[in-house]
C-alpha atoms as a PDB file:
ATOM      1  CA  MET A   1       0.284  -0.180  -0.061  1.00  0.00           C
ATOM      2  CA  PRO A   2       1.350   3.597  -0.973  1.00  0.00           C
ATOM      3  CA  ARG A   3       1.875   5.196   2.157  1.00  0.00           C
ATOM      4  CA  ASP A   4       0.420   8.410   1.807  1.00  0.00           C
ATOM      5  CA  SER A   5      -3.118   6.296   1.538  1.00  0.00           C
ATOM      6  CA  PHE A   6      -2.996   4.340   4.466  1.00  0.00           C
ATOM      7  CA  ARG A   7      -5.917   5.497   7.026  1.00  0.00           C
ATOM      8  CA  PRO A   8      -6.654   3.433  10.161  1.00  0.00           C
ATOM      9  CA  SER A   9      -9.242   1.599  10.912  1.00  0.00           C
ATOM     10  CA  PRO A  10     -12.060   2.494  13.962  1.00  0.00           C
ATOM     11  CA  PRO A  11     -11.230   2.746  17.098  1.00  0.00           C
ATOM     12  CA  ALA A  12     -11.179  -1.006  18.700  1.00  0.00           C
ATOM     13  CA  GLU A  13     -12.736  -2.546  21.737  1.00  0.00           C
ATOM     14  CA  VAL A  14     -10.294  -1.016  24.865  1.00  0.00           C
ATOM     15  CA  ARG A  15     -11.132  -0.629  28.681  1.00  0.00           C
ATOM     16  CA  ALA A  16      -9.150   0.356  31.089  1.00  0.00           C
ATOM     17  CA  GLU A  17      -8.516  -1.274  34.392  1.00  0.00           C
ATOM     18  CA  PRO A  18      -7.286   0.158  37.821  1.00  0.00           C
ATOM     19  CA  ALA A  19      -3.717  -0.976  38.526  1.00  0.00           C
ATOM     20  CA  ASP A  20      -1.649   0.383  41.417  1.00  0.00           C
ATOM     21  CA  GLY A  21      -2.183   3.936  40.875  1.00  0.00           C
ATOM     22  CA  GLY A  22      -2.155   4.164  37.154  1.00  0.00           C
ATOM     23  CA  ALA A  23      -4.243   2.300  34.577  1.00  0.00           C
ATOM     24  CA  THR A  24      -3.906  -1.171  32.650  1.00  0.00           C
ATOM     25  CA  LEU A  25      -5.364  -0.514  29.020  1.00  0.00           C
ATOM     26  CA  VAL A  26      -7.100  -3.586  27.378  1.00  0.00           C
ATOM     27  CA  PHE A  27      -6.978  -2.501  23.573  1.00  0.00           C
ATOM     28  CA  VAL A  28      -8.523  -5.739  22.094  1.00  0.00           C
ATOM     29  CA  ARG A  29      -8.253  -6.371  18.159  1.00  0.00           C
ATOM     30  CA  ASP A  30      -8.978  -9.412  15.683  1.00  0.00           C
ATOM     31  CA  LEU A  31      -6.597 -10.173  13.372  1.00  0.00           C
ATOM     32  CA  ARG A  32      -6.369 -12.127   9.886  1.00  0.00           C
ATOM     33  CA  HIS A  33      -3.393 -13.953   9.909  1.00  0.00           C
ATOM     34  CA  PRO A  34      -3.117 -17.174  12.325  1.00  0.00           C
ATOM     35  CA  PRO A  35      -1.237 -16.762  16.321  1.00  0.00           C
ATOM     36  CA  GLU A  36       2.207 -18.002  14.523  1.00  0.00           C
ATOM     37  CA  ALA A  37       2.614 -15.836  12.555  1.00  0.00           C
ATOM     38  CA  VAL A  38       0.941 -13.051  14.728  1.00  0.00           C
ATOM     39  CA  TRP A  39       4.233 -14.251  17.403  1.00  0.00           C
ATOM     40  CA  ALA A  40       7.024 -13.827  14.882  1.00  0.00           C
ATOM     41  CA  ALA A  41       5.412 -10.740  14.234  1.00  0.00           C
ATOM     42  CA  LEU A  42       5.290  -9.963  18.420  1.00  0.00           C
ATOM     43  CA  THR A  43       9.166 -11.098  19.146  1.00  0.00           C
ATOM     44  CA  ASP A  44      10.885 -10.833  15.825  1.00  0.00           C
ATOM     45  CA  PRO A  45      13.445  -7.374  15.670  1.00  0.00           C
ATOM     46  CA  ALA A  46      13.100  -7.697  11.587  1.00  0.00           C
ATOM     47  CA  ARG A  47       9.073  -7.676  11.825  1.00  0.00           C
ATOM     48  CA  LEU A  48       9.224  -5.455  14.853  1.00  0.00           C
ATOM     49  CA  ARG A  49      11.653  -2.411  12.991  1.00  0.00           C
ATOM     50  CA  GLU A  50       7.944  -2.737  10.728  1.00  0.00           C
ATOM     51  CA  TRP A  51       5.706  -1.401  12.782  1.00  0.00           C
ATOM     52  CA  ALA A  52       6.298  -1.482  16.240  1.00  0.00           C
ATOM     53  CA  PRO A  53       6.999   2.241  18.003  1.00  0.00           C
ATOM     54  CA  PHE A  54      10.504   0.661  19.057  1.00  0.00           C
ATOM     55  CA  LEU A  55      13.435  -1.233  17.996  1.00  0.00           C
ATOM     56  CA  ALA A  56      14.384  -4.404  19.468  1.00  0.00           C
ATOM     57  CA  ASP A  57      17.963  -5.424  20.291  1.00  0.00           C
ATOM     58  CA  ARG A  58      16.822  -9.086  20.593  1.00  0.00           C
ATOM     59  CA  ASP A  59      14.173 -11.516  19.712  1.00  0.00           C
ATOM     60  CA  LEU A  60      11.602 -11.478  22.032  1.00  0.00           C
ATOM     61  CA  GLY A  61      10.747 -14.736  22.199  1.00  0.00           C
ATOM     62  CA  SER A  62      13.055 -16.234  25.421  1.00  0.00           C
ATOM     63  CA  PRO A  63      13.105 -14.516  29.025  1.00  0.00           C
ATOM     64  CA  GLY A  64      15.380 -12.235  29.609  1.00  0.00           C
ATOM     65  CA  ALA A  65      16.824  -8.709  29.784  1.00  0.00           C
ATOM     66  CA  ALA A  66      16.475  -6.377  26.463  1.00  0.00           C
ATOM     67  CA  VAL A  67      16.509  -2.962  25.252  1.00  0.00           C
ATOM     68  CA  LEU A  68      13.349  -1.702  23.545  1.00  0.00           C
ATOM     69  CA  THR A  69      14.617   1.950  21.472  1.00  0.00           C
ATOM     70  CA  MET A  70      11.611   4.682  21.398  1.00  0.00           C
ATOM     71  CA  VAL A  71      11.912   5.797  18.170  1.00  0.00           C
ATOM     72  CA  ASP A  72      10.547   9.872  17.454  1.00  0.00           C
ATOM     73  CA  GLY A  73      12.277  11.034  13.844  1.00  0.00           C
ATOM     74  CA  GLU A  74      15.864  11.337  14.854  1.00  0.00           C
ATOM     75  CA  THR A  75      15.418  11.098  17.624  1.00  0.00           C
ATOM     76  CA  THR A  76      16.190   7.567  20.408  1.00  0.00           C
ATOM     77  CA  GLU A  77      15.477   6.787  23.158  1.00  0.00           C
ATOM     78  CA  ASP A  78      17.183   3.630  25.021  1.00  0.00           C
ATOM     79  CA  LEU A  79      14.974   1.701  27.469  1.00  0.00           C
ATOM     80  CA  PRO A  80      15.857  -0.892  30.126  1.00  0.00           C
ATOM     81  CA  ALA A  81      13.037  -4.309  28.548  1.00  0.00           C
ATOM     82  CA  THR A  82      12.895  -7.908  30.624  1.00  0.00           C
ATOM     83  CA  VAL A  83      11.056 -10.586  28.828  1.00  0.00           C
ATOM     84  CA  ARG A  84       8.682 -12.024  31.893  1.00  0.00           C
ATOM     85  CA  ARG A  85       6.773 -14.787  29.953  1.00  0.00           C
ATOM     86  CA  ALA A  86       7.341 -16.132  26.412  1.00  0.00           C
ATOM     87  CA  GLU A  87       4.740 -19.238  25.504  1.00  0.00           C
ATOM     88  CA  PRO A  88       4.658 -19.121  21.885  1.00  0.00           C
ATOM     89  CA  PRO A  89       2.617 -18.559  20.297  1.00  0.00           C
ATOM     90  CA  HIS A  90       0.264 -17.642  23.228  1.00  0.00           C
ATOM     91  CA  LEU A  91       1.513 -15.005  25.489  1.00  0.00           C
ATOM     92  CA  LEU A  92       4.205 -12.581  25.567  1.00  0.00           C
ATOM     93  CA  GLU A  93       4.889 -10.375  28.412  1.00  0.00           C
ATOM     94  CA  TYR A  94       7.782  -7.871  29.333  1.00  0.00           C
ATOM     95  CA  THR A  95       8.279  -4.801  30.640  1.00  0.00           C
ATOM     96  CA  TRP A  96       9.592  -2.156  28.945  1.00  0.00           C
ATOM     97  CA  GLY A  97      10.881   0.599  31.067  1.00  0.00           C
ATOM     98  CA  ASP A  98       7.972   1.353  33.780  1.00  0.00           C
ATOM     99  CA  ASP A  99       5.543   0.030  31.587  1.00  0.00           C
ATOM    100  CA  LEU A 100       4.726  -3.764  31.534  1.00  0.00           C
ATOM    101  CA  LEU A 101       2.888  -5.122  28.430  1.00  0.00           C
ATOM    102  CA  ARG A 102       0.982  -8.241  28.397  1.00  0.00           C
ATOM    103  CA  TRP A 103       0.498 -10.017  24.925  1.00  0.00           C
ATOM    104  CA  GLU A 104      -2.730 -12.495  24.477  1.00  0.00           C
ATOM    105  CA  LEU A 105      -3.009 -14.175  20.870  1.00  0.00           C
ATOM    106  CA  THR A 106      -5.993 -17.221  21.104  1.00  0.00           C
ATOM    107  CA  ARG A 107      -6.219 -18.712  17.855  1.00  0.00           C
ATOM    108  CA  THR A 108      -9.759 -18.027  15.987  1.00  0.00           C
ATOM    109  CA  ALA A 109     -11.895 -19.686  13.135  1.00  0.00           C
ATOM    110  CA  THR A 110     -10.499 -16.358  11.320  1.00  0.00           C
ATOM    111  CA  GLY A 111      -6.733 -15.584  12.290  1.00  0.00           C
ATOM    112  CA  THR A 112      -6.226 -14.288  16.283  1.00  0.00           C
ATOM    113  CA  ARG A 113      -7.639 -12.799  18.768  1.00  0.00           C
ATOM    114  CA  LEU A 114      -5.040 -10.536  20.122  1.00  0.00           C
ATOM    115  CA  THR A 115      -5.156  -8.941  23.210  1.00  0.00           C
ATOM    116  CA  LEU A 116      -2.580  -6.274  25.162  1.00  0.00           C
ATOM    117  CA  ARG A 117      -2.361  -4.941  28.412  1.00  0.00           C
ATOM    118  CA  HIS A 118      -0.449  -2.223  28.639  1.00  0.00           C
ATOM    119  CA  THR A 119      -0.248  -1.224  32.234  1.00  0.00           C
ATOM    120  CA  VAL A 120       1.289   2.615  32.786  1.00  0.00           C
ATOM    121  CA  THR A 121       1.617   4.995  35.934  1.00  0.00           C
ATOM    122  CA  ASP A 122      -0.227   7.687  34.053  1.00  0.00           C
ATOM    123  CA  ARG A 123      -3.933   6.914  33.466  1.00  0.00           C
ATOM    124  CA  GLY A 124      -4.239   9.918  31.915  1.00  0.00           C
ATOM    125  CA  ILE A 125      -2.142   8.828  28.734  1.00  0.00           C
ATOM    126  CA  ALA A 126      -4.759   5.592  28.347  1.00  0.00           C
ATOM    127  CA  PRO A 127      -5.717   7.889  25.276  1.00  0.00           C
ATOM    128  CA  MET A 128      -3.081   7.751  23.811  1.00  0.00           C
ATOM    129  CA  VAL A 129      -1.361   4.654  24.379  1.00  0.00           C
ATOM    130  CA  ALA A 130      -4.216   3.523  23.025  1.00  0.00           C
ATOM    131  CA  ALA A 131      -4.153   5.532  19.201  1.00  0.00           C
ATOM    132  CA  GLY A 132      -0.430   4.883  19.315  1.00  0.00           C
ATOM    133  CA  TRP A 133      -0.389   0.987  19.336  1.00  0.00           C
ATOM    134  CA  HIS A 134      -3.766   1.144  16.888  1.00  0.00           C
ATOM    135  CA  ILE A 135      -1.847   2.548  14.407  1.00  0.00           C
ATOM    136  CA  CYS A 136       1.019   0.249  15.462  1.00  0.00           C
ATOM    137  CA  LEU A 137      -1.119  -2.795  14.575  1.00  0.00           C
ATOM    138  CA  ASP A 138      -3.252  -1.715  11.996  1.00  0.00           C
ATOM    139  CA  VAL A 139       0.570  -1.345  10.260  1.00  0.00           C
ATOM    140  CA  ALA A 140       1.401  -4.471  11.612  1.00  0.00           C
ATOM    141  CA  GLU A 141      -1.633  -6.113   9.800  1.00  0.00           C
ATOM    142  CA  HIS A 142      -0.770  -4.127   7.163  1.00  0.00           C
ATOM    143  CA  LEU A 143       2.790  -5.866   7.160  1.00  0.00           C
ATOM    144  CA  LEU A 144       1.134  -9.463   8.007  1.00  0.00           C
ATOM    145  CA  GLY A 145      -1.078  -9.425   4.918  1.00  0.00           C
ATOM    146  CA  GLY A 146       2.204  -8.693   2.358  1.00  0.00           C
ATOM    147  CA  ASP A 147       1.127  -5.343   1.971  1.00  0.00           C
ATOM    148  CA  PRO A 148       3.669  -3.027   3.910  1.00  0.00           C
ATOM    149  CA  VAL A 149       3.243   0.089   4.943  1.00  0.00           C
ATOM    150  CA  GLY A 150       6.339   1.076   6.928  1.00  0.00           C
ATOM    151  CA  ALA A 151       6.194   1.655  10.436  1.00  0.00           C
ATOM    152  CA  ILE A 152       4.883   5.131  11.687  1.00  0.00           C
ATOM    153  CA  ARG A 153       6.482   6.023  15.109  1.00  0.00           C
ATOM    154  CA  GLY A 154       6.473   9.348  17.100  1.00  0.00           C
ATOM    155  CA  ALA A 155       4.997  12.764  15.696  1.00  0.00           C
ATOM    156  CA  GLU A 156       4.820  10.957  12.884  1.00  0.00           C
ATOM    157  CA  ALA A 157       1.452   9.483  14.035  1.00  0.00           C
ATOM    158  CA  LYS A 158       0.470  12.553  13.433  1.00  0.00           C
ATOM    159  CA  GLU A 159      -0.179  12.532  10.099  1.00  0.00           C
ATOM    160  CA  PHE A 160      -2.400   9.574   9.905  1.00  0.00           C
ATOM    161  CA  GLY A 161      -5.588  10.541  12.302  1.00  0.00           C
ATOM    162  CA  TRP A 162      -3.612   9.989  15.730  1.00  0.00           C
ATOM    163  CA  ALA A 163      -5.424  12.694  17.119  1.00  0.00           C
ATOM    164  CA  GLU A 164      -8.822  11.372  15.849  1.00  0.00           C
ATOM    165  CA  LEU A 165      -7.881   8.328  17.490  1.00  0.00           C
ATOM    166  CA  ARG A 166      -7.331   9.587  20.840  1.00  0.00           C
ATOM    167  CA  ASP A 167      -9.934  11.679  20.803  1.00  0.00           C
ATOM    168  CA  ALA A 168     -12.178   8.868  20.226  1.00  0.00           C
ATOM    169  CA  TYR A 169     -10.175   7.045  22.738  1.00  0.00           C
ATOM    170  CA  ALA A 170     -10.570   9.320  25.574  1.00  0.00           C
ATOM    171  CA  THR A 171     -14.540   9.611  25.142  1.00  0.00           C
ATOM    172  CA  ARG A 172     -14.925   5.243  25.290  1.00  0.00           C
ATOM    173  CA  LEU A 173     -12.485   5.558  28.650  1.00  0.00           C
ATOM    174  CA  GLY A 174     -14.799   8.399  29.681  1.00  0.00           C
ATOM    175  CA  ASP A 175     -11.142  10.746  29.739  1.00  0.00           C
ATOM    176  CA  ALA A 176      -8.880   7.503  31.084  1.00  0.00           C
END
């Protein structure tokens, strides 16, 4: 797909649950690909480079320390990470700086139900986090479908409907 014609899909199922002063954003998406393909996109550094908001210094498919480098244009920030659980192709859990991410993959008749539980220390950022993951997962869906658009990270996401998604998620989450 030509990058300039990329548009995000409608807002996904989302909720926020209280978590130690912050919140756990629970984001659910149905993908048209089997869990094994989705697992590879979540763990393989070469695949992550094509859709995720960060670069990984190693395959995330096994427990242990890692570095996830947040990318925003020319600016990068290395954040420590620890893969806590890796149960291919169903469960991946890791820290990313102060955040905790848990990816659950369930096989469906048409592909995979992906449930992301992203715990943040500031409940107020949940709509922004939801909008960012929404765009990233739309890009991942294109990648898995053989129609890559390239990663859309950081401020660049504003050119691809991020603000509208943030506002829609703020409404759905009750302004978190």
